Amino acid sequence: MTLTPEQLEAIGCKKIHWNPKINGGFFEYYVPTSGDGVGWNDSRLISVTFNGMEKPDHDFMVWLVSPRMRIGLRGVRTIEQFVLMYELLTGDTLEEK
């Protein structure tokens, strides 16, 4: 089963609506790891965009995000893989709320 916005919200991901005035924009779901995750020096560590930069190749893309850089994690396609990636990178756990 592929990753959905509902699954991301269930594990506590925050949501950003980028560029809503440009063709409806796109959504990014993320887990902040420093600050609130959106400041210049903050880190989101792992995030998912739907209908954004990944189009037209993919419906969504999981990203490793740090200040001023992002790397696409094309192999992460399920909520279980997303949670595992987060846990491996941080040593913390994400649990459904």
C-alpha atoms as a PDB file:
ATOM      1  CA  MET A   1       0.000   0.000   0.000  1.00  0.00           C
ATOM      2  CA  THR A   2       1.385   3.427  -0.898  1.00  0.00           C
ATOM      3  CA  LEU A   3       1.830   6.322   1.487  1.00  0.00           C
ATOM      4  CA  THR A   4      -1.191   8.606   2.092  1.00  0.00           C
ATOM      5  CA  PRO A   5      -1.669  12.024   3.717  1.00  0.00           C
ATOM      6  CA  GLU A   6      -4.035  10.427   6.249  1.00  0.00           C
ATOM      7  CA  GLN A   7      -1.344   7.978   7.383  1.00  0.00           C
ATOM      8  CA  LEU A   8       1.157  10.810   7.790  1.00  0.00           C
ATOM      9  CA  GLU A   9      -1.292  12.875   9.846  1.00  0.00           C
ATOM     10  CA  ALA A  10      -2.009   9.827  12.037  1.00  0.00           C
ATOM     11  CA  ILE A  11       1.660   9.609  13.082  1.00  0.00           C
ATOM     12  CA  GLY A  12       1.814  13.335  13.885  1.00  0.00           C
ATOM     13  CA  CYS A  13       3.306  14.867  10.752  1.00  0.00           C
ATOM     14  CA  LYS A  14       2.827  18.607  10.324  1.00  0.00           C
ATOM     15  CA  LYS A  15       1.523  20.000   7.015  1.00  0.00           C
ATOM     16  CA  ILE A  16       2.547  22.931   4.797  1.00  0.00           C
ATOM     17  CA  HIS A  17       0.511  24.132   1.805  1.00  0.00           C
ATOM     18  CA  TRP A  18       3.101  25.553  -0.606  1.00  0.00           C
ATOM     19  CA  ASN A  19       2.150  28.098  -3.315  1.00  0.00           C
ATOM     20  CA  PRO A  20      -1.637  27.703  -3.064  1.00  0.00           C
ATOM     21  CA  LYS A  21      -2.233  30.515  -5.598  1.00  0.00           C
ATOM     22  CA  ILE A  22      -0.215  28.762  -8.314  1.00  0.00           C
ATOM     23  CA  ASN A  23      -2.388  25.951  -9.728  1.00  0.00           C
ATOM     24  CA  GLY A  24      -3.523  25.046  -6.205  1.00  0.00           C
ATOM     25  CA  GLY A  25       0.029  24.511  -4.972  1.00  0.00           C
ATOM     26  CA  PHE A  26       1.136  21.329  -3.279  1.00  0.00           C
ATOM     27  CA  PHE A  27       1.266  19.832   0.206  1.00  0.00           C
ATOM     28  CA  GLU A  28       4.277  18.774   2.227  1.00  0.00           C
ATOM     29  CA  TYR A  29       3.968  16.621   5.354  1.00  0.00           C
ATOM     30  CA  TYR A  30       6.959  16.563   7.684  1.00  0.00           C
ATOM     31  CA  VAL A  31       8.383  15.672  11.055  1.00  0.00           C
ATOM     32  CA  PRO A  32      10.437  18.528  12.567  1.00  0.00           C
ATOM     33  CA  THR A  33      13.709  17.525  14.165  1.00  0.00           C
ATOM     34  CA  SER A  34      14.991  20.964  15.113  1.00  0.00           C
ATOM     35  CA  GLY A  35      12.904  24.048  15.840  1.00  0.00           C
ATOM     36  CA  ASP A  36       9.500  23.982  14.201  1.00  0.00           C
ATOM     37  CA  GLY A  37      10.978  22.519  11.031  1.00  0.00           C
ATOM     38  CA  VAL A  38      10.398  25.530   8.781  1.00  0.00           C
ATOM     39  CA  GLY A  39      12.997  28.085   9.918  1.00  0.00           C
ATOM     40  CA  TRP A  40      16.137  28.803   7.880  1.00  0.00           C
ATOM     41  CA  ASN A  41      18.342  26.693  10.163  1.00  0.00           C
ATOM     42  CA  ASP A  42      15.674  24.180  11.194  1.00  0.00           C
ATOM     43  CA  SER A  43      15.526  20.641   9.916  1.00  0.00           C
ATOM     44  CA  ARG A  44      12.516  18.625   8.764  1.00  0.00           C
ATOM     45  CA  LEU A  45      14.709  15.543   8.328  1.00  0.00           C
ATOM     46  CA  ILE A  46      12.100  13.540   6.513  1.00  0.00           C
ATOM     47  CA  SER A  47       9.142  14.892   4.579  1.00  0.00           C
ATOM     48  CA  VAL A  48       6.700  13.896   1.854  1.00  0.00           C
ATOM     49  CA  THR A  49       5.407  16.102  -0.968  1.00  0.00           C
ATOM     50  CA  PHE A  50       2.262  15.349  -2.949  1.00  0.00           C
ATOM     51  CA  ASN A  51       1.794  16.878  -6.427  1.00  0.00           C
ATOM     52  CA  GLY A  52       4.844  19.097  -6.076  1.00  0.00           C
ATOM     53  CA  MET A  53       8.402  18.847  -7.350  1.00  0.00           C
ATOM     54  CA  GLU A  54       8.115  15.101  -7.986  1.00  0.00           C
ATOM     55  CA  LYS A  55       5.556  15.460 -10.786  1.00  0.00           C
ATOM     56  CA  PRO A  56       5.133  14.050 -13.398  1.00  0.00           C
ATOM     57  CA  ASP A  57       7.294  11.021 -12.516  1.00  0.00           C
ATOM     58  CA  HIS A  58       5.701  10.200  -9.129  1.00  0.00           C
ATOM     59  CA  ASP A  59       2.498  10.967  -7.193  1.00  0.00           C
ATOM     60  CA  PHE A  60       4.580  11.703  -4.089  1.00  0.00           C
ATOM     61  CA  MET A  61       8.209  11.831  -2.998  1.00  0.00           C
ATOM     62  CA  VAL A  62       9.812  11.230   0.381  1.00  0.00           C
ATOM     63  CA  TRP A  63      12.696  13.613   1.104  1.00  0.00           C
ATOM     64  CA  LEU A  64      15.607  13.788   3.502  1.00  0.00           C
ATOM     65  CA  VAL A  65      15.612  17.525   4.342  1.00  0.00           C
ATOM     66  CA  SER A  66      18.258  19.543   6.138  1.00  0.00           C
ATOM     67  CA  PRO A  67      18.981  23.273   6.089  1.00  0.00           C
ATOM     68  CA  ARG A  68      19.454  24.354   2.457  1.00  0.00           C
ATOM     69  CA  MET A  69      19.402  20.796   1.005  1.00  0.00           C
ATOM     70  CA  ARG A  70      16.976  17.982   0.160  1.00  0.00           C
ATOM     71  CA  ILE A  71      17.584  14.475  -1.176  1.00  0.00           C
ATOM     72  CA  GLY A  72      14.834  12.364  -2.756  1.00  0.00           C
ATOM     73  CA  LEU A  73      14.335   8.927  -1.182  1.00  0.00           C
ATOM     74  CA  ARG A  74      12.630   7.224  -4.130  1.00  0.00           C
ATOM     75  CA  GLY A  75      12.636   3.785  -2.508  1.00  0.00           C
ATOM     76  CA  VAL A  76      10.475   4.883   0.440  1.00  0.00           C
ATOM     77  CA  ARG A  77       6.907   4.139  -0.730  1.00  0.00           C
ATOM     78  CA  THR A  78       4.971   2.992   2.377  1.00  0.00           C
ATOM     79  CA  ILE A  79       4.199   4.396   5.834  1.00  0.00           C
ATOM     80  CA  GLU A  80       6.207   1.553   7.377  1.00  0.00           C
ATOM     81  CA  GLN A  81       9.269   2.526   5.337  1.00  0.00           C
ATOM     82  CA  PHE A  82       8.769   6.208   6.250  1.00  0.00           C
ATOM     83  CA  VAL A  83       8.619   5.380   9.971  1.00  0.00           C
ATOM     84  CA  LEU A  84      11.637   3.060   9.712  1.00  0.00           C
ATOM     85  CA  MET A  85      13.664   5.748   7.920  1.00  0.00           C
ATOM     86  CA  TYR A  86      12.773   8.273  10.620  1.00  0.00           C
ATOM     87  CA  GLU A  87      13.715   5.846  13.394  1.00  0.00           C
ATOM     88  CA  LEU A  88      17.023   4.918  11.740  1.00  0.00           C
ATOM     89  CA  LEU A  89      17.999   8.552  11.223  1.00  0.00           C
ATOM     90  CA  THR A  90      16.961   9.900  14.632  1.00  0.00           C
ATOM     91  CA  GLY A  91      16.933   6.988  17.052  1.00  0.00           C
ATOM     92  CA  ASP A  92      13.446   8.169  18.097  1.00  0.00           C
ATOM     93  CA  THR A  93      10.094   6.495  17.457  1.00  0.00           C
ATOM     94  CA  LEU A  94       6.960   7.725  15.702  1.00  0.00           C
ATOM     95  CA  GLU A  95       3.697   6.320  16.983  1.00  0.00           C
ATOM     96  CA  GLU A  96       0.126   6.630  15.769  1.00  0.00           C
ATOM     97  CA  LYS A  97      -1.907   9.116  17.757  1.00  0.00           C
END
